[in-house]
Amino acid sequence: MKAIVNVSLKQGVLDSQGKAVHHALDSLHFNGVEDVRVGKQIVLQLQESDKEKAMSEVTKMCEELLANTVIEDYEIELV
């Protein structure tokens, strides 16, 4: 089973990397972009086949290592 974890800054937290990308897009004349938020995606190949156990394990991974839950949100997708 594969787990896809998307981590992004919480709303209200300044995303300086997103601002830099937005500025660069503007300078390249991509003017239709209102805002940019940059995050990270982590893909885990799991041995666990039980979805409930896998979700529990990946949630624990996120809480302890993969995301800084003070300033970041995360979403988990099991495929």
PDB file of N, CA and C in Angstrom:
ATOM      1  N   MET A   1       0.851  -1.174   0.000  1.00  0.00           N
ATOM      2  CA  MET A   1       0.000   0.000   0.000  1.00  0.00           C
ATOM      3  C   MET A   1       0.896   1.236   0.000  1.00  0.00           C
ATOM      4  N   LYS A   2       0.434   2.257  -0.667  1.00  0.00           N
ATOM      5  CA  LYS A   2       1.171   3.509  -0.751  1.00  0.00           C
ATOM      6  C   LYS A   2       0.420   4.584   0.012  1.00  0.00           C
ATOM      7  N   ALA A   3       1.167   5.407   0.754  1.00  0.00           N
ATOM      8  CA  ALA A   3       0.590   6.564   1.443  1.00  0.00           C
ATOM      9  C   ALA A   3       1.215   7.818   0.845  1.00  0.00           C
ATOM     10  N   ILE A   4       0.359   8.743   0.477  1.00  0.00           N
ATOM     11  CA  ILE A   4       0.813  10.030  -0.040  1.00  0.00           C
ATOM     12  C   ILE A   4       0.462  11.077   1.001  1.00  0.00           C
ATOM     13  N   VAL A   5       1.484  11.771   1.493  1.00  0.00           N
ATOM     14  CA  VAL A   5       1.298  12.794   2.527  1.00  0.00           C
ATOM     15  C   VAL A   5       1.618  14.144   1.907  1.00  0.00           C
ATOM     16  N   ASN A   6       0.655  15.053   1.940  1.00  0.00           N
ATOM     17  CA  ASN A   6       0.863  16.422   1.478  1.00  0.00           C
ATOM     18  C   ASN A   6       0.931  17.330   2.699  1.00  0.00           C
ATOM     19  N   VAL A   7       2.045  18.055   2.808  1.00  0.00           N
ATOM     20  CA  VAL A   7       2.275  18.945   3.945  1.00  0.00           C
ATOM     21  C   VAL A   7       2.324  20.372   3.422  1.00  0.00           C
ATOM     22  N   SER A   8       1.587  21.257   4.082  1.00  0.00           N
ATOM     23  CA  SER A   8       1.588  22.663   3.668  1.00  0.00           C
ATOM     24  C   SER A   8       1.501  23.551   4.902  1.00  0.00           C
ATOM     25  N   LEU A   9       1.951  24.779   4.732  1.00  0.00           N
ATOM     26  CA  LEU A   9       1.863  25.727   5.832  1.00  0.00           C
ATOM     27  C   LEU A   9       0.400  26.046   6.136  1.00  0.00           C
ATOM     28  N   LYS A  10       0.095  26.230   7.407  1.00  0.00           N
ATOM     29  CA  LYS A  10      -1.263  26.594   7.800  1.00  0.00           C
ATOM     30  C   LYS A  10      -1.589  27.977   7.251  1.00  0.00           C
ATOM     31  N   GLN A  11      -2.879  28.204   7.025  1.00  0.00           N
ATOM     32  CA  GLN A  11      -3.319  29.528   6.599  1.00  0.00           C
ATOM     33  C   GLN A  11      -2.905  30.535   7.673  1.00  0.00           C
ATOM     34  N   GLY A  12      -2.435  31.686   7.249  1.00  0.00           N
ATOM     35  CA  GLY A  12      -2.004  32.710   8.192  1.00  0.00           C
ATOM     36  C   GLY A  12      -0.511  32.670   8.475  1.00  0.00           C
ATOM     37  N   VAL A  13       0.157  31.574   8.122  1.00  0.00           N
ATOM     38  CA  VAL A  13       1.609  31.482   8.285  1.00  0.00           C
ATOM     39  C   VAL A  13       2.245  31.996   6.991  1.00  0.00           C
ATOM     40  N   LEU A  14       3.172  32.936   7.134  1.00  0.00           N
ATOM     41  CA  LEU A  14       3.822  33.527   5.969  1.00  0.00           C
ATOM     42  C   LEU A  14       4.585  32.461   5.191  1.00  0.00           C
ATOM     43  N   ASP A  15       4.299  32.370   3.908  1.00  0.00           N
ATOM     44  CA  ASP A  15       4.962  31.414   3.025  1.00  0.00           C
ATOM     45  C   ASP A  15       5.932  32.203   2.145  1.00  0.00           C
ATOM     46  N   SER A  16       7.148  32.403   2.627  1.00  0.00           N
ATOM     47  CA  SER A  16       8.111  33.220   1.892  1.00  0.00           C
ATOM     48  C   SER A  16       8.521  32.561   0.574  1.00  0.00           C
ATOM     49  N   GLN A  17       8.583  31.242   0.542  1.00  0.00           N
ATOM     50  CA  GLN A  17       8.911  30.551  -0.708  1.00  0.00           C
ATOM     51  C   GLN A  17       7.777  30.729  -1.722  1.00  0.00           C
ATOM     52  N   GLY A  18       6.551  30.661  -1.257  1.00  0.00           N
ATOM     53  CA  GLY A  18       5.402  30.894  -2.125  1.00  0.00           C
ATOM     54  C   GLY A  18       5.396  32.310  -2.682  1.00  0.00           C
ATOM     55  N   LYS A  19       5.743  33.273  -1.831  1.00  0.00           N
ATOM     56  CA  LYS A  19       5.805  34.673  -2.279  1.00  0.00           C
ATOM     57  C   LYS A  19       6.883  34.840  -3.349  1.00  0.00           C
ATOM     58  N   ALA A  20       8.030  34.175  -3.171  1.00  0.00           N
ATOM     59  CA  ALA A  20       9.109  34.271  -4.158  1.00  0.00           C
ATOM     60  C   ALA A  20       8.680  33.671  -5.491  1.00  0.00           C
ATOM     61  N   VAL A  21       7.990  32.542  -5.450  1.00  0.00           N
ATOM     62  CA  VAL A  21       7.502  31.912  -6.685  1.00  0.00           C
ATOM     63  C   VAL A  21       6.474  32.823  -7.352  1.00  0.00           C
ATOM     64  N   HIS A  22       5.577  33.401  -6.552  1.00  0.00           N
ATOM     65  CA  HIS A  22       4.564  34.311  -7.094  1.00  0.00           C
ATOM     66  C   HIS A  22       5.230  35.503  -7.790  1.00  0.00           C
ATOM     67  N   HIS A  23       6.223  36.077  -7.143  1.00  0.00           N
ATOM     68  CA  HIS A  23       6.942  37.209  -7.735  1.00  0.00           C
ATOM     69  C   HIS A  23       7.616  36.793  -9.049  1.00  0.00           C
ATOM     70  N   ALA A  24       8.233  35.609  -9.058  1.00  0.00           N
ATOM     71  CA  ALA A  24       8.897  35.133 -10.270  1.00  0.00           C
ATOM     72  C   ALA A  24       7.893  34.909 -11.399  1.00  0.00           C
ATOM     73  N   LEU A  25       6.739  34.356 -11.065  1.00  0.00           N
ATOM     74  CA  LEU A  25       5.703  34.158 -12.089  1.00  0.00           C
ATOM     75  C   LEU A  25       5.228  35.495 -12.648  1.00  0.00           C
ATOM     76  N   ASP A  26       5.058  36.488 -11.772  1.00  0.00           N
ATOM     77  CA  ASP A  26       4.675  37.828 -12.230  1.00  0.00           C
ATOM     78  C   ASP A  26       5.729  38.399 -13.182  1.00  0.00           C
ATOM     79  N   SER A  27       7.006  38.222 -12.826  1.00  0.00           N
ATOM     80  CA  SER A  27       8.067  38.776 -13.667  1.00  0.00           C
ATOM     81  C   SER A  27       8.158  38.065 -15.014  1.00  0.00           C
ATOM     82  N   LEU A  28       7.635  36.842 -15.084  1.00  0.00           N
ATOM     83  CA  LEU A  28       7.581  36.111 -16.353  1.00  0.00           C
ATOM     84  C   LEU A  28       6.255  36.337 -17.076  1.00  0.00           C
ATOM     85  N   HIS A  29       5.472  37.292 -16.588  1.00  0.00           N
ATOM     86  CA  HIS A  29       4.209  37.723 -17.178  1.00  0.00           C
ATOM     87  C   HIS A  29       3.085  36.688 -17.075  1.00  0.00           C
ATOM     88  N   PHE A  30       3.137  35.853 -16.046  1.00  0.00           N
ATOM     89  CA  PHE A  30       2.003  34.984 -15.716  1.00  0.00           C
ATOM     90  C   PHE A  30       1.165  35.747 -14.689  1.00  0.00           C
ATOM     91  N   ASN A  31       0.339  36.651 -15.179  1.00  0.00           N
ATOM     92  CA  ASN A  31      -0.346  37.600 -14.313  1.00  0.00           C
ATOM     93  C   ASN A  31      -1.650  37.082 -13.717  1.00  0.00           C
ATOM     94  N   GLY A  32      -2.106  35.921 -14.122  1.00  0.00           N
ATOM     95  CA  GLY A  32      -3.375  35.411 -13.643  1.00  0.00           C
ATOM     96  C   GLY A  32      -3.304  34.673 -12.312  1.00  0.00           C
ATOM     97  N   VAL A  33      -2.136  34.610 -11.690  1.00  0.00           N
ATOM     98  CA  VAL A  33      -1.969  33.876 -10.438  1.00  0.00           C
ATOM     99  C   VAL A  33      -2.228  34.819  -9.269  1.00  0.00           C
ATOM    100  N   GLU A  34      -3.216  34.488  -8.441  1.00  0.00           N
ATOM    101  CA  GLU A  34      -3.545  35.339  -7.301  1.00  0.00           C
ATOM    102  C   GLU A  34      -2.653  35.073  -6.090  1.00  0.00           C
ATOM    103  N   ASP A  35      -2.320  33.807  -5.824  1.00  0.00           N
ATOM    104  CA  ASP A  35      -1.521  33.466  -4.649  1.00  0.00           C
ATOM    105  C   ASP A  35      -0.804  32.151  -4.913  1.00  0.00           C
ATOM    106  N   VAL A  36       0.314  31.946  -4.253  1.00  0.00           N
ATOM    107  CA  VAL A  36       1.078  30.699  -4.366  1.00  0.00           C
ATOM    108  C   VAL A  36       1.420  30.219  -2.965  1.00  0.00           C
ATOM    109  N   ARG A  37       1.178  28.955  -2.707  1.00  0.00           N
ATOM    110  CA  ARG A  37       1.576  28.306  -1.462  1.00  0.00           C
ATOM    111  C   ARG A  37       2.436  27.113  -1.854  1.00  0.00           C
ATOM    112  N   VAL A  38       3.604  26.986  -1.262  1.00  0.00           N
ATOM    113  CA  VAL A  38       4.522  25.900  -1.571  1.00  0.00           C
ATOM    114  C   VAL A  38       4.511  24.915  -0.408  1.00  0.00           C
ATOM    115  N   GLY A  39       4.424  23.633  -0.727  1.00  0.00           N
ATOM    116  CA  GLY A  39       4.436  22.604   0.300  1.00  0.00           C
ATOM    117  C   GLY A  39       5.359  21.478  -0.113  1.00  0.00           C
ATOM    118  N   LYS A  40       5.145  20.334   0.509  1.00  0.00           N
ATOM    119  CA  LYS A  40       5.955  19.172   0.155  1.00  0.00           C
ATOM    120  C   LYS A  40       5.060  17.943   0.110  1.00  0.00           C
ATOM    121  N   GLN A  41       5.471  16.990  -0.695  1.00  0.00           N
ATOM    122  CA  GLN A  41       4.746  15.726  -0.812  1.00  0.00           C
ATOM    123  C   GLN A  41       5.705  14.602  -0.458  1.00  0.00           C
ATOM    124  N   ILE A  42       5.254  13.711   0.402  1.00  0.00           N
ATOM    125  CA  ILE A  42       6.045  12.561   0.841  1.00  0.00           C
ATOM    126  C   ILE A  42       5.277  11.313   0.442  1.00  0.00           C
ATOM    127  N   VAL A  43       5.925  10.419  -0.299  1.00  0.00           N
ATOM    128  CA  VAL A  43       5.292   9.177  -0.746  1.00  0.00           C
ATOM    129  C   VAL A  43       5.950   8.027   0.001  1.00  0.00           C
ATOM    130  N   LEU A  44       5.126   7.271   0.710  1.00  0.00           N
ATOM    131  CA  LEU A  44       5.613   6.148   1.512  1.00  0.00           C
ATOM    132  C   LEU A  44       5.069   4.845   0.955  1.00  0.00           C
ATOM    133  N   GLN A  45       5.930   3.883   0.749  1.00  0.00           N
ATOM    134  CA  GLN A  45       5.496   2.535   0.373  1.00  0.00           C
ATOM    135  C   GLN A  45       5.422   1.730   1.663  1.00  0.00           C
ATOM    136  N   LEU A  46       4.233   1.263   2.010  1.00  0.00           N
ATOM    137  CA  LEU A  46       4.008   0.590   3.289  1.00  0.00           C
ATOM    138  C   LEU A  46       3.863  -0.912   3.109  1.00  0.00           C
ATOM    139  N   GLN A  47       4.284  -1.653   4.123  1.00  0.00           N
ATOM    140  CA  GLN A  47       4.068  -3.098   4.142  1.00  0.00           C
ATOM    141  C   GLN A  47       2.653  -3.415   4.628  1.00  0.00           C
ATOM    142  N   GLU A  48       2.124  -2.552   5.456  1.00  0.00           N
ATOM    143  CA  GLU A  48       0.794  -2.757   6.057  1.00  0.00           C
ATOM    144  C   GLU A  48      -0.282  -2.808   4.971  1.00  0.00           C
ATOM    145  N   SER A  49      -1.188  -3.779   5.067  1.00  0.00           N
ATOM    146  CA  SER A  49      -2.273  -3.889   4.084  1.00  0.00           C
ATOM    147  C   SER A  49      -3.625  -3.466   4.656  1.00  0.00           C
ATOM    148  N   ASP A  50      -3.719  -3.345   5.961  1.00  0.00           N
ATOM    149  CA  ASP A  50      -4.960  -2.914   6.609  1.00  0.00           C
ATOM    150  C   ASP A  50      -5.012  -1.386   6.587  1.00  0.00           C
ATOM    151  N   LYS A  51      -6.040  -0.830   5.918  1.00  0.00           N
ATOM    152  CA  LYS A  51      -6.121   0.630   5.743  1.00  0.00           C
ATOM    153  C   LYS A  51      -6.197   1.376   7.066  1.00  0.00           C
ATOM    154  N   GLU A  52      -6.951   0.847   8.013  1.00  0.00           N
ATOM    155  CA  GLU A  52      -7.113   1.529   9.298  1.00  0.00           C
ATOM    156  C   GLU A  52      -5.775   1.594  10.050  1.00  0.00           C
ATOM    157  N   LYS A  53      -5.051   0.484  10.069  1.00  0.00           N
ATOM    158  CA  LYS A  53      -3.742   0.458  10.730  1.00  0.00           C
ATOM    159  C   LYS A  53      -2.749   1.360   9.999  1.00  0.00           C
ATOM    160  N   ALA A  54      -2.777   1.317   8.681  1.00  0.00           N
ATOM    161  CA  ALA A  54      -1.874   2.149   7.885  1.00  0.00           C
ATOM    162  C   ALA A  54      -2.130   3.623   8.149  1.00  0.00           C
ATOM    163  N   MET A  55      -3.391   4.019   8.172  1.00  0.00           N
ATOM    164  CA  MET A  55      -3.735   5.419   8.428  1.00  0.00           C
ATOM    165  C   MET A  55      -3.256   5.845   9.811  1.00  0.00           C
ATOM    166  N   SER A  56      -3.429   4.972  10.776  1.00  0.00           N
ATOM    167  CA  SER A  56      -2.982   5.264  12.137  1.00  0.00           C
ATOM    168  C   SER A  56      -1.465   5.445  12.193  1.00  0.00           C
ATOM    169  N   GLU A  57      -0.738   4.557  11.533  1.00  0.00           N
ATOM    170  CA  GLU A  57       0.724   4.630  11.525  1.00  0.00           C
ATOM    171  C   GLU A  57       1.222   5.892  10.814  1.00  0.00           C
ATOM    172  N   VAL A  58       0.643   6.198   9.673  1.00  0.00           N
ATOM    173  CA  VAL A  58       1.092   7.366   8.915  1.00  0.00           C
ATOM    174  C   VAL A  58       0.740   8.648   9.669  1.00  0.00           C
ATOM    175  N   THR A  59      -0.404   8.676  10.315  1.00  0.00           N
ATOM    176  CA  THR A  59      -0.773   9.834  11.138  1.00  0.00           C
ATOM    177  C   THR A  59       0.258  10.039  12.241  1.00  0.00           C
ATOM    178  N   LYS A  60       0.662   8.954  12.879  1.00  0.00           N
ATOM    179  CA  LYS A  60       1.679   9.035  13.932  1.00  0.00           C
ATOM    180  C   LYS A  60       3.000   9.549  13.352  1.00  0.00           C
ATOM    181  N   MET A  61       3.377   9.082  12.159  1.00  0.00           N
ATOM    182  CA  MET A  61       4.597   9.564  11.497  1.00  0.00           C
ATOM    183  C   MET A  61       4.533  11.071  11.267  1.00  0.00           C
ATOM    184  N   CYS A  62       3.377  11.531  10.810  1.00  0.00           N
ATOM    185  CA  CYS A  62       3.199  12.959  10.542  1.00  0.00           C
ATOM    186  C   CYS A  62       3.314  13.774  11.821  1.00  0.00           C
ATOM    187  N   GLU A  63       2.648  13.305  12.857  1.00  0.00           N
ATOM    188  CA  GLU A  63       2.645  14.029  14.125  1.00  0.00           C
ATOM    189  C   GLU A  63       4.030  14.081  14.769  1.00  0.00           C
ATOM    190  N   GLU A  64       4.823  13.024  14.581  1.00  0.00           N
ATOM    191  CA  GLU A  64       6.120  12.944  15.256  1.00  0.00           C
ATOM    192  C   GLU A  64       7.294  13.425  14.412  1.00  0.00           C
ATOM    193  N   LEU A  65       7.184  13.360  13.071  1.00  0.00           N
ATOM    194  CA  LEU A  65       8.350  13.683  12.250  1.00  0.00           C
ATOM    195  C   LEU A  65       8.052  14.449  10.970  1.00  0.00           C
ATOM    196  N   LEU A  66       7.091  14.005  10.207  1.00  0.00           N
ATOM    197  CA  LEU A  66       6.937  14.502   8.839  1.00  0.00           C
ATOM    198  C   LEU A  66       6.389  15.923   8.744  1.00  0.00           C
ATOM    199  N   ALA A  67       5.620  16.358   9.741  1.00  0.00           N
ATOM    200  CA  ALA A  67       5.040  17.707   9.710  1.00  0.00           C
ATOM    201  C   ALA A  67       5.311  18.413  11.033  1.00  0.00           C
ATOM    202  N   ASN A  68       5.561  19.693  10.951  1.00  0.00           N
ATOM    203  CA  ASN A  68       5.651  20.526  12.145  1.00  0.00           C
ATOM    204  C   ASN A  68       4.235  21.036  12.398  1.00  0.00           C
ATOM    205  N   THR A  69       3.505  20.348  13.262  1.00  0.00           N
ATOM    206  CA  THR A  69       2.071  20.608  13.413  1.00  0.00           C
ATOM    207  C   THR A  69       1.753  21.964  14.037  1.00  0.00           C
ATOM    208  N   VAL A  70       2.758  22.678  14.512  1.00  0.00           N
ATOM    209  CA  VAL A  70       2.532  24.027  15.020  1.00  0.00           C
ATOM    210  C   VAL A  70       2.228  24.968  13.856  1.00  0.00           C
ATOM    211  N   ILE A  71       2.937  24.778  12.734  1.00  0.00           N
ATOM    212  CA  ILE A  71       2.789  25.705  11.602  1.00  0.00           C
ATOM    213  C   ILE A  71       2.348  25.025  10.310  1.00  0.00           C
ATOM    214  N   GLU A  72       2.241  23.679  10.323  1.00  0.00           N
ATOM    215  CA  GLU A  72       1.900  22.965   9.093  1.00  0.00           C
ATOM    216  C   GLU A  72       0.679  22.077   9.275  1.00  0.00           C
ATOM    217  N   ASP A  73      -0.086  21.951   8.198  1.00  0.00           N
ATOM    218  CA  ASP A  73      -1.175  20.985   8.102  1.00  0.00           C
ATOM    219  C   ASP A  73      -0.716  19.844   7.217  1.00  0.00           C
ATOM    220  N   TYR A  74      -1.370  18.692   7.345  1.00  0.00           N
ATOM    221  CA  TYR A  74      -1.040  17.582   6.469  1.00  0.00           C
ATOM    222  C   TYR A  74      -2.316  16.842   6.083  1.00  0.00           C
ATOM    223  N   GLU A  75      -2.257  16.227   4.909  1.00  0.00           N
ATOM    224  CA  GLU A  75      -3.334  15.385   4.407  1.00  0.00           C
ATOM    225  C   GLU A  75      -2.720  14.050   4.007  1.00  0.00           C
ATOM    226  N   ILE A  76      -3.423  12.975   4.299  1.00  0.00           N
ATOM    227  CA  ILE A  76      -2.936  11.630   3.979  1.00  0.00           C
ATOM    228  C   ILE A  76      -3.905  10.990   3.001  1.00  0.00           C
ATOM    229  N   GLU A  77      -3.349  10.396   1.958  1.00  0.00           N
ATOM    230  CA  GLU A  77      -4.145   9.620   0.996  1.00  0.00           C
ATOM    231  C   GLU A  77      -3.523   8.240   0.884  1.00  0.00           C
ATOM    232  N   LEU A  78      -4.326   7.225   1.099  1.00  0.00           N
ATOM    233  CA  LEU A  78      -3.853   5.853   0.949  1.00  0.00           C
ATOM    234  C   LEU A  78      -4.316   5.310  -0.394  1.00  0.00           C
ATOM    235  N   VAL A  79      -3.375   4.762  -1.161  1.00  0.00           N
ATOM    236  CA  VAL A  79      -3.709   4.206  -2.482  1.00  0.00           C
ATOM    237  C   VAL A  79      -3.121   2.817  -2.625  1.00  0.00           C
TER     238      VAL A  79
END
